């Protein structure tokens, strides 16, 4: 799992049928230890996250397993909204 910030929404009226009904969000990966931001990508949202939320994201085959749609063309899924992160530096 990775920690990300939700930074935007994606609307796509034409897409693969397996993506119908999924909320798509733009996420930006975070480095909690270095307070640094990384690349951004699109993730399917399973938990109702909004812009500005810090979220837990799973990627790869784990993302497709979380969707319970084996053939969905999805690489990242938001699986949790973070309440608090504590890092000992």
Protein backbone atom coordinates (compact mmCIF):
# COMPACT_ATOMS: atom_id res chain seq x y z
CA UNK A 1 0.00 0.00 0.00
CA UNK A 2 1.05 3.57 -0.57
CA UNK A 3 -0.01 6.91 0.93
CA UNK A 4 -1.41 9.50 -1.46
CA UNK A 5 -3.25 12.81 -1.53
CA UNK A 6 -6.37 13.09 -3.65
CA UNK A 7 -5.82 16.11 -5.89
CA UNK A 8 -8.63 15.90 -8.45
CA UNK A 9 -11.44 14.08 -10.23
CA UNK A 10 -11.55 12.42 -13.63
CA UNK A 11 -14.69 12.30 -15.77
CA UNK A 12 -14.71 10.01 -18.78
CA UNK A 13 -17.99 9.55 -20.63
CA UNK A 14 -16.41 7.02 -23.00
CA UNK A 15 -14.46 4.26 -21.31
CA UNK A 16 -14.12 0.49 -21.03
CA UNK A 17 -17.42 -1.04 -19.89
CA UNK A 18 -15.74 -2.59 -16.82
CA UNK A 19 -15.09 0.96 -15.51
CA UNK A 20 -18.76 1.99 -15.54
CA UNK A 21 -19.91 3.03 -12.08
CA UNK A 22 -16.39 3.61 -10.75
CA UNK A 23 -15.41 7.01 -9.36
CA UNK A 24 -12.00 7.96 -10.76
CA UNK A 25 -9.70 10.27 -8.80
CA UNK A 26 -6.31 11.83 -9.45
CA UNK A 27 -3.92 10.90 -6.66
CA UNK A 28 -0.42 12.11 -5.87
CA UNK A 29 1.93 9.76 -4.05
CA UNK A 30 3.49 11.02 -0.80
CA UNK A 31 6.66 10.16 1.05
CA UNK A 32 5.59 10.37 4.68
CA UNK A 33 9.16 10.23 5.97
CA UNK A 34 10.57 12.96 3.73
CA UNK A 35 7.43 15.12 3.41
CA UNK A 36 7.92 14.92 -0.34
CA UNK A 37 5.43 14.54 -3.17
CA UNK A 38 5.89 12.06 -5.99
CA UNK A 39 4.19 11.38 -9.32
CA UNK A 40 0.43 11.49 -9.83
CA UNK A 41 -1.90 8.94 -11.43
CA UNK A 42 -5.56 7.94 -11.66
CA UNK A 43 -7.10 5.54 -9.14
CA UNK A 44 -10.55 4.01 -8.79
CA UNK A 45 -12.17 5.07 -5.50
CA UNK A 46 -13.92 2.41 -3.41
CA UNK A 47 -14.36 4.41 -0.20
CA UNK A 48 -15.81 7.80 -1.15
CA UNK A 49 -12.65 9.87 -0.88
CA UNK A 50 -12.66 13.54 -1.80
CA UNK A 51 -10.18 16.14 -2.98
CA UNK A 52 -7.74 16.93 -0.16
CA UNK A 53 -8.08 13.55 1.57
CA UNK A 54 -5.02 11.49 2.43
CA UNK A 55 -5.68 7.94 1.30
CA UNK A 56 -4.33 4.39 1.25
CA UNK A 57 -3.88 3.04 -2.26
CA UNK A 58 -3.17 -0.47 -3.45
CA UNK A 59 -1.73 -1.16 -6.89
CA UNK A 60 -1.30 -3.97 -9.40
CA UNK A 61 -3.10 -7.29 -8.99
CA UNK A 62 -4.14 -6.30 -5.46
CA UNK A 63 -6.04 -3.36 -6.94
CA UNK A 64 -7.98 -5.61 -9.29
CA UNK A 65 -8.68 -8.01 -6.41
CA UNK A 66 -10.08 -5.13 -4.33
CA UNK A 67 -12.43 -4.27 -7.21
CA UNK A 68 -13.57 -7.89 -7.46
CA UNK A 69 -13.46 -7.46 -11.26
CA UNK A 70 -10.61 -9.62 -12.51
CA UNK A 71 -10.42 -8.18 -16.02
CA UNK A 72 -10.81 -4.47 -15.19
CA UNK A 73 -8.01 -2.30 -16.64
CA UNK A 74 -7.18 -0.73 -13.26
CA UNK A 75 -3.69 -0.27 -11.78
CA UNK A 76 -4.58 1.62 -8.58
CA UNK A 77 -7.51 1.59 -6.15
CA UNK A 78 -8.20 3.83 -3.15
CA UNK A 79 -9.00 1.43 -0.31
CA UNK A 80 -8.95 3.69 2.76
CA UNK A 81 -9.13 7.28 3.97
CA UNK A 82 -6.37 8.13 6.45
CA UNK A 83 -7.33 9.87 9.70
CA UNK A 84 -3.81 10.39 10.98
CA UNK A 85 -0.21 9.48 10.15
CA UNK A 86 2.46 9.34 12.83
CA UNK A 87 6.08 8.99 11.78
CA UNK A 88 8.97 8.92 14.22
CA UNK A 89 11.89 10.84 12.70
